Amino acid sequence: MNAILEYISGPALGAVIGYITNDIAIRMLFRPRTAKYIFGMHVPFTPGIIPKEKDRIAGAIGNSISENLMNKEVLEKTLLSDEMLEKIRAAIDEFFYTQLHNDETLEQFASHYLTEQEIGTMRESTCDEIAKLISAKLRDHAIGKTIAHAATQHVIDKTRNSMAGKIHAERLIEAVSSPIETKLAQHINEVLQEQAPSMSARIVYTEADKLTSMPMCELFKGHEQQLEQAREGIMSVYRTLISDHLPRILESINISKIVESRIQEMDMEEAEQIIISVMKKELRAIVWLGAFLGCIMGTIMTVINI
């Protein structure tokens, strides 16, 4: 019996020691979280390795992610892969299909993404800018001249048709047409100079009200070809954005700094939970590996002693 215990006790003790020492070593990666002192003397290995080297680890992880996982080559390959492009194209098609059956008005649809105040501000600023452009065009003197010429020419053509063959009438028409057209152009321009801003605003706001009150399905219906063109346009913009502007975007985001700052701000308890949740299986394997190696060492020592 004693011989059996002698053979068993060595490997068993080694396994227990290996298990406990590895478990303690893993725990000491995170704990204690602060430095400990006894009679004013610093206790070795406090704080734990990760709390002690937190800033350095944060910087190293940030640089590693930025240089190896989130660099231009990796992101461009992923974001421009056939699989990703197909997902984006499918998402656009699904959006268009949904809107073709959407009874919400444009204003109701926009309310899912913008506040009522934001919608009102956007509507007002857009209408004002369009009204200003139209007003500026209407107040151009060439507009009055064009309208006067078209109106005068129409009257002349009608008059000539009714007085065909009358030479004196023809001469009279030719004599008065030019001054009439000039005077008419002048009056039209005067009216437009005064009324163009209010006329433009009234027209634009009326049309804007009609547009925002129109159901989404009506806006999309009958424009299937344009929707296809819009989809390809969006895809083209996406490709250009990734190909030409990705480096600038990454530079402005500074992924390395974001990751580093987030790790530095993270509470050590939170960091421990995250690491353990990710590597729970691997850390547990290390503990049991310690038990296994301890068992082997115990066996060897038992054999040697015997």
Protein backbone atom coordinates (compact mmCIF):
# COMPACT_ATOMS: atom_id res chain seq x y z
CA MET A 1 0.00 0.00 0.00
CA ASN A 2 2.80 2.37 0.94
CA ALA A 3 4.56 1.56 -2.32
CA ILE A 4 1.44 2.43 -4.29
CA LEU A 5 1.07 5.71 -2.42
CA GLU A 6 4.71 6.46 -3.10
CA TYR A 7 4.20 5.96 -6.82
CA ILE A 8 1.00 8.04 -6.85
CA SER A 9 1.88 10.85 -4.45
CA GLY A 10 4.78 12.24 -6.51
CA PRO A 11 2.87 12.67 -9.81
CA ALA A 12 -0.27 13.82 -7.98
CA LEU A 13 1.63 16.43 -5.98
CA GLY A 14 3.42 17.60 -9.12
CA ALA A 15 0.10 17.91 -10.98
CA VAL A 16 -1.45 19.94 -8.14
CA ILE A 17 1.58 22.20 -7.90
CA GLY A 18 1.67 22.70 -11.68
CA TYR A 19 -2.05 23.45 -11.79
CA ILE A 20 -1.91 25.95 -8.91
CA THR A 21 1.26 27.73 -10.06
CA ASN A 22 -0.06 28.24 -13.62
CA ASP A 23 -3.41 29.41 -12.29
CA ILE A 24 -1.67 31.90 -10.00
CA ALA A 25 0.59 33.05 -12.85
CA ILE A 26 -2.43 33.78 -15.05
CA ARG A 27 -4.18 35.64 -12.25
CA MET A 28 -1.02 37.67 -11.65
CA LEU A 29 -1.25 38.95 -15.21
CA PHE A 30 -4.16 41.11 -14.03
CA ARG A 31 -3.80 41.30 -10.26
CA PRO A 32 -3.15 43.04 -8.06
CA ARG A 33 -4.36 46.05 -10.00
CA THR A 34 -2.30 48.50 -7.93
CA ALA A 35 1.15 48.46 -6.35
CA LYS A 36 1.33 46.99 -2.85
CA TYR A 37 3.66 48.09 -0.02
CA ILE A 38 4.68 46.48 3.28
CA PHE A 39 6.34 48.77 5.81
CA GLY A 40 6.94 51.21 2.98
CA MET A 41 8.68 48.59 0.83
CA HIS A 42 7.31 47.78 -2.60
CA VAL A 43 6.06 44.24 -2.93
CA PRO A 44 7.57 42.59 -6.06
CA PHE A 45 5.27 41.77 -8.99
CA THR A 46 2.72 44.36 -7.93
CA PRO A 47 0.79 45.61 -9.74
CA GLY A 48 0.21 42.71 -12.17
CA ILE A 49 1.98 42.68 -15.52
CA ILE A 50 -0.94 43.99 -17.56
CA PRO A 51 -1.92 46.86 -15.19
CA LYS A 52 1.75 47.82 -14.89
CA GLU A 53 2.37 47.82 -18.64
CA LYS A 54 -1.08 49.06 -19.62
CA ASP A 55 0.10 52.16 -21.51
CA ARG A 56 2.80 50.31 -23.40
CA ILE A 57 0.42 47.46 -24.26
CA ALA A 58 -2.22 49.96 -25.43
CA GLY A 59 0.26 51.65 -27.76
CA ALA A 60 1.54 48.33 -29.11
CA ILE A 61 -1.97 47.01 -29.77
CA GLY A 62 -3.00 50.29 -31.40
CA ASN A 63 0.01 50.28 -33.71
CA SER A 64 -0.40 46.59 -34.52
CA ILE A 65 -4.07 46.98 -35.46
CA SER A 66 -3.38 50.10 -37.50
CA GLU A 67 -0.41 48.64 -39.36
CA ASN A 68 -1.56 45.05 -39.86
CA LEU A 69 -5.34 44.80 -39.57
CA MET A 70 -6.74 48.21 -40.50
CA ASN A 71 -4.25 49.44 -43.11
CA LYS A 72 -5.11 50.63 -46.61
CA GLU A 73 -4.26 47.36 -48.36
CA VAL A 74 -6.30 45.14 -46.04
CA LEU A 75 -9.33 47.45 -45.91
CA GLU A 76 -9.29 48.14 -49.65
CA LYS A 77 -9.10 44.42 -50.41
CA THR A 78 -12.02 43.76 -48.07
CA LEU A 79 -14.20 46.74 -48.95
CA LEU A 80 -13.76 46.27 -52.71
CA SER A 81 -14.08 42.49 -52.73
CA ASP A 82 -16.73 40.95 -54.99
CA GLU A 83 -18.61 39.74 -51.93
CA MET A 84 -18.74 43.21 -50.36
CA LEU A 85 -19.75 44.91 -53.62
CA GLU A 86 -22.52 42.37 -54.10
CA LYS A 87 -23.80 43.00 -50.57
CA ILE A 88 -23.89 46.75 -51.18
CA ARG A 89 -25.63 46.31 -54.53
CA ALA A 90 -28.20 44.00 -52.92
CA ALA A 91 -28.78 46.49 -50.11
CA ILE A 92 -29.41 49.29 -52.63
CA ASP A 93 -31.83 47.12 -54.62
CA GLU A 94 -33.65 46.16 -51.43
CA PHE A 95 -33.97 49.84 -50.48
CA PHE A 96 -35.38 50.74 -53.89
CA TYR A 97 -37.79 47.80 -53.81
CA THR A 98 -39.02 48.81 -50.36
CA GLN A 99 -39.65 52.39 -51.49
CA LEU A 100 -41.62 51.18 -54.52
CA HIS A 101 -44.14 49.79 -52.01
CA ASN A 102 -43.84 52.53 -49.39
CA ASP A 103 -46.98 54.64 -48.87
CA GLU A 104 -45.21 57.12 -46.60
CA THR A 105 -44.79 60.65 -47.89
CA LEU A 106 -41.31 61.98 -48.50
CA GLU A 107 -41.60 64.07 -45.35
CA GLN A 108 -42.68 61.07 -43.26
CA PHE A 109 -39.82 59.02 -44.66
CA ALA A 110 -37.32 61.76 -43.82
CA SER A 111 -38.67 61.94 -40.26
CA HIS A 112 -37.10 58.52 -39.57
CA TYR A 113 -33.66 60.06 -39.94
CA LEU A 114 -34.12 63.78 -39.19
CA THR A 115 -36.00 65.82 -36.60
CA GLU A 116 -38.93 67.98 -37.63
CA GLN A 117 -36.79 71.07 -37.09
CA GLU A 118 -33.97 69.70 -39.25
CA ILE A 119 -36.42 68.84 -42.03
CA GLY A 120 -37.91 72.34 -41.88
CA THR A 121 -34.51 74.00 -41.91
CA MET A 122 -33.29 71.88 -44.81
CA ARG A 123 -36.50 72.50 -46.78
CA GLU A 124 -36.35 76.25 -46.20
CA SER A 125 -32.67 76.63 -47.04
CA THR A 126 -33.01 74.50 -50.19
CA CYS A 127 -36.11 76.35 -51.40
CA ASP A 128 -34.48 79.72 -50.72
CA GLU A 129 -31.39 78.83 -52.70
CA ILE A 130 -33.42 77.53 -55.66
CA ALA A 131 -35.70 80.58 -55.55
CA LYS A 132 -32.67 82.88 -55.59
CA LEU A 133 -31.25 81.13 -58.64
CA ILE A 134 -34.57 81.33 -60.50
CA SER A 135 -35.05 84.96 -59.46
CA ALA A 136 -31.58 85.87 -60.72
CA LYS A 137 -32.35 84.28 -64.09
CA LEU A 138 -35.72 86.02 -64.36
CA ARG A 139 -34.18 89.41 -63.58
CA ASP A 140 -31.72 89.04 -66.41
CA HIS A 141 -32.63 91.61 -69.10
CA ALA A 142 -32.23 88.96 -71.77
CA ILE A 143 -35.33 87.20 -70.38
CA GLY A 144 -37.57 90.24 -71.00
CA LYS A 145 -36.18 90.63 -74.48
CA THR A 146 -36.73 86.93 -75.26
CA ILE A 147 -40.32 86.97 -74.00
CA ALA A 148 -41.12 90.24 -75.80
CA HIS A 149 -39.67 88.94 -79.07
CA ALA A 150 -41.63 85.68 -78.85
CA ALA A 151 -44.88 87.52 -78.00
CA THR A 152 -44.40 90.14 -80.73
CA GLN A 153 -43.49 87.52 -83.30
CA HIS A 154 -46.60 85.54 -82.44
CA VAL A 155 -48.82 88.61 -82.90
CA ILE A 156 -47.07 89.51 -86.18
CA ASP A 157 -47.55 86.00 -87.56
CA LYS A 158 -51.24 86.03 -86.65
CA THR A 159 -51.71 89.50 -88.17
CA ARG A 160 -49.90 88.57 -91.39
CA ASN A 161 -52.05 85.49 -91.80
CA SER A 162 -55.23 87.54 -91.48
CA MET A 163 -53.98 90.29 -93.82
CA ALA A 164 -52.18 88.19 -96.38
CA GLY A 165 -51.50 90.00 -99.65
CA LYS A 166 -52.01 93.52 -98.24
CA ILE A 167 -48.68 95.26 -98.85
CA HIS A 168 -49.51 98.38 -96.81
CA ALA A 169 -50.39 96.23 -93.82
CA GLU A 170 -47.10 94.36 -94.13
CA ARG A 171 -45.15 97.61 -94.12
CA LEU A 172 -47.11 98.88 -91.12
CA ILE A 173 -46.42 95.71 -89.17
CA GLU A 174 -42.71 95.92 -89.92
CA ALA A 175 -42.64 99.61 -88.93
CA VAL A 176 -44.29 99.18 -85.52
CA SER A 177 -43.01 95.73 -84.52
CA SER A 178 -39.54 96.86 -83.45
CA PRO A 179 -40.58 99.72 -81.10
CA ILE A 180 -43.43 97.61 -79.70
CA GLU A 181 -41.04 94.75 -78.96
CA THR A 182 -38.56 97.11 -77.30
CA LYS A 183 -41.26 98.72 -75.15
CA LEU A 184 -42.75 95.36 -74.22
CA ALA A 185 -39.32 94.02 -73.22
CA GLN A 186 -38.79 97.06 -71.04
CA HIS A 187 -42.11 96.57 -69.22
CA ILE A 188 -41.52 92.85 -68.76
CA ASN A 189 -38.09 93.51 -67.27
CA GLU A 190 -39.52 96.12 -64.92
CA VAL A 191 -42.15 93.66 -63.70
CA LEU A 192 -39.58 90.88 -63.29
CA GLN A 193 -37.18 93.14 -61.42
CA GLU A 194 -39.90 93.85 -58.88
CA GLN A 195 -41.82 90.58 -58.80
CA ALA A 196 -39.20 87.90 -59.57
CA PRO A 197 -38.18 87.16 -55.92
CA SER A 198 -41.75 86.68 -54.66
CA MET A 199 -42.83 84.82 -57.81
CA SER A 200 -39.87 82.45 -57.60
CA ALA A 201 -40.35 81.79 -53.89
CA ARG A 202 -44.07 81.15 -54.34
CA ILE A 203 -43.49 78.69 -57.19
CA VAL A 204 -40.64 76.86 -55.46
CA TYR A 205 -42.40 76.51 -52.10
CA THR A 206 -45.60 75.33 -53.78
CA GLU A 207 -43.74 72.66 -55.70
CA ALA A 208 -41.78 71.70 -52.57
CA ASP A 209 -45.04 71.17 -50.67
CA LYS A 210 -46.29 68.93 -53.46
CA LEU A 211 -43.04 66.98 -53.49
CA THR A 212 -42.82 66.41 -49.71
CA SER A 213 -46.49 65.36 -49.64
CA MET A 214 -46.03 62.79 -52.40
CA PRO A 215 -45.85 59.10 -51.38
CA MET A 216 -42.46 57.48 -51.81
CA CYS A 217 -43.96 54.78 -54.06
CA GLU A 218 -45.15 57.46 -56.50
CA LEU A 219 -41.76 59.14 -56.50
CA PHE A 220 -40.06 55.86 -57.41
CA LYS A 221 -42.71 54.31 -59.64
CA GLY A 222 -42.04 54.47 -63.37
CA HIS A 223 -38.37 55.32 -62.89
CA GLU A 224 -36.90 51.82 -62.92
CA GLN A 225 -34.25 52.73 -65.50
CA GLN A 226 -33.23 55.81 -63.52
CA LEU A 227 -33.06 53.68 -60.36
CA GLU A 228 -30.66 51.29 -62.07
CA GLN A 229 -28.53 54.24 -63.14
CA ALA A 230 -28.68 55.61 -59.60
CA ARG A 231 -27.56 52.26 -58.21
CA GLU A 232 -24.58 52.11 -60.56
CA GLY A 233 -23.81 55.74 -59.73
CA ILE A 234 -23.77 54.94 -56.02
CA MET A 235 -21.53 51.93 -56.65
CA SER A 236 -19.16 54.08 -58.70
CA VAL A 237 -18.98 56.71 -55.95
CA TYR A 238 -18.32 53.97 -53.39
CA ARG A 239 -15.46 52.50 -55.44
CA THR A 240 -13.93 55.94 -55.95
CA LEU A 241 -14.27 56.79 -52.28
CA ILE A 242 -12.44 53.62 -51.24
CA SER A 243 -9.80 53.67 -53.98
CA ASP A 244 -8.92 57.37 -53.95
CA HIS A 245 -9.80 58.63 -50.48
CA LEU A 246 -9.27 55.69 -48.11
CA PRO A 247 -5.72 56.73 -47.07
CA ARG A 248 -6.92 60.23 -46.20
CA ILE A 249 -9.88 58.81 -44.29
CA LEU A 250 -7.63 56.46 -42.30
CA GLU A 251 -5.23 59.29 -41.58
CA SER A 252 -8.00 61.52 -40.30
CA ILE A 253 -9.50 58.74 -38.17
CA ASN A 254 -6.12 57.67 -36.71
CA ILE A 255 -7.16 54.16 -35.76
CA SER A 256 -3.98 53.56 -33.77
CA LYS A 257 -4.70 56.49 -31.47
CA ILE A 258 -8.37 55.55 -31.06
CA VAL A 259 -7.51 51.98 -30.03
CA GLU A 260 -4.73 53.15 -27.72
CA SER A 261 -6.97 55.73 -26.02
CA ARG A 262 -9.80 53.23 -25.61
CA ILE A 263 -7.53 50.68 -23.94
CA GLN A 264 -6.01 53.32 -21.67
CA GLU A 265 -9.47 54.47 -20.60
CA MET A 266 -10.65 50.92 -19.99
CA ASP A 267 -11.05 49.79 -16.39
CA MET A 268 -8.75 46.85 -15.59
CA GLU A 269 -11.68 44.75 -14.39
CA GLU A 270 -13.38 45.32 -17.75
CA ALA A 271 -10.14 44.53 -19.60
CA GLU A 272 -9.71 41.31 -17.60
CA GLN A 273 -13.27 40.21 -18.38
CA ILE A 274 -12.77 40.88 -22.09
CA ILE A 275 -9.45 39.01 -22.30
CA ILE A 276 -10.71 36.06 -20.29
CA SER A 277 -13.94 35.85 -22.31
CA VAL A 278 -11.91 35.76 -25.53
CA MET A 279 -9.17 33.40 -24.33
CA LYS A 280 -11.02 31.43 -21.67
CA LYS A 281 -10.44 28.10 -23.41
CA GLU A 282 -6.74 28.82 -24.07
CA LEU A 283 -6.07 30.07 -20.51
CA ARG A 284 -7.77 27.02 -19.04
CA ALA A 285 -5.63 24.83 -21.31
CA ILE A 286 -2.49 26.52 -19.93
CA VAL A 287 -3.59 25.72 -16.37
CA TRP A 288 -4.20 22.07 -17.22
CA LEU A 289 -0.95 21.95 -19.16
CA GLY A 290 0.78 23.00 -15.95
CA ALA A 291 -0.92 20.14 -14.15
CA PHE A 292 0.15 17.72 -16.87
CA LEU A 293 3.76 18.90 -16.86
CA GLY A 294 3.79 18.82 -13.05
CA CYS A 295 2.52 15.25 -13.16
CA ILE A 296 5.29 14.28 -15.59
CA MET A 297 7.95 15.97 -13.44
CA GLY A 298 6.56 14.27 -10.33
CA THR A 299 6.67 10.93 -12.10
CA ILE A 300 10.26 11.48 -13.19
CA MET A 301 11.33 12.50 -9.68
CA THR A 302 9.58 9.48 -8.19
CA VAL A 303 11.33 7.13 -10.62
CA ILE A 304 14.70 8.76 -9.94
CA ASN A 305 14.27 8.55 -6.17
CA ILE A 306 13.26 4.95 -6.39
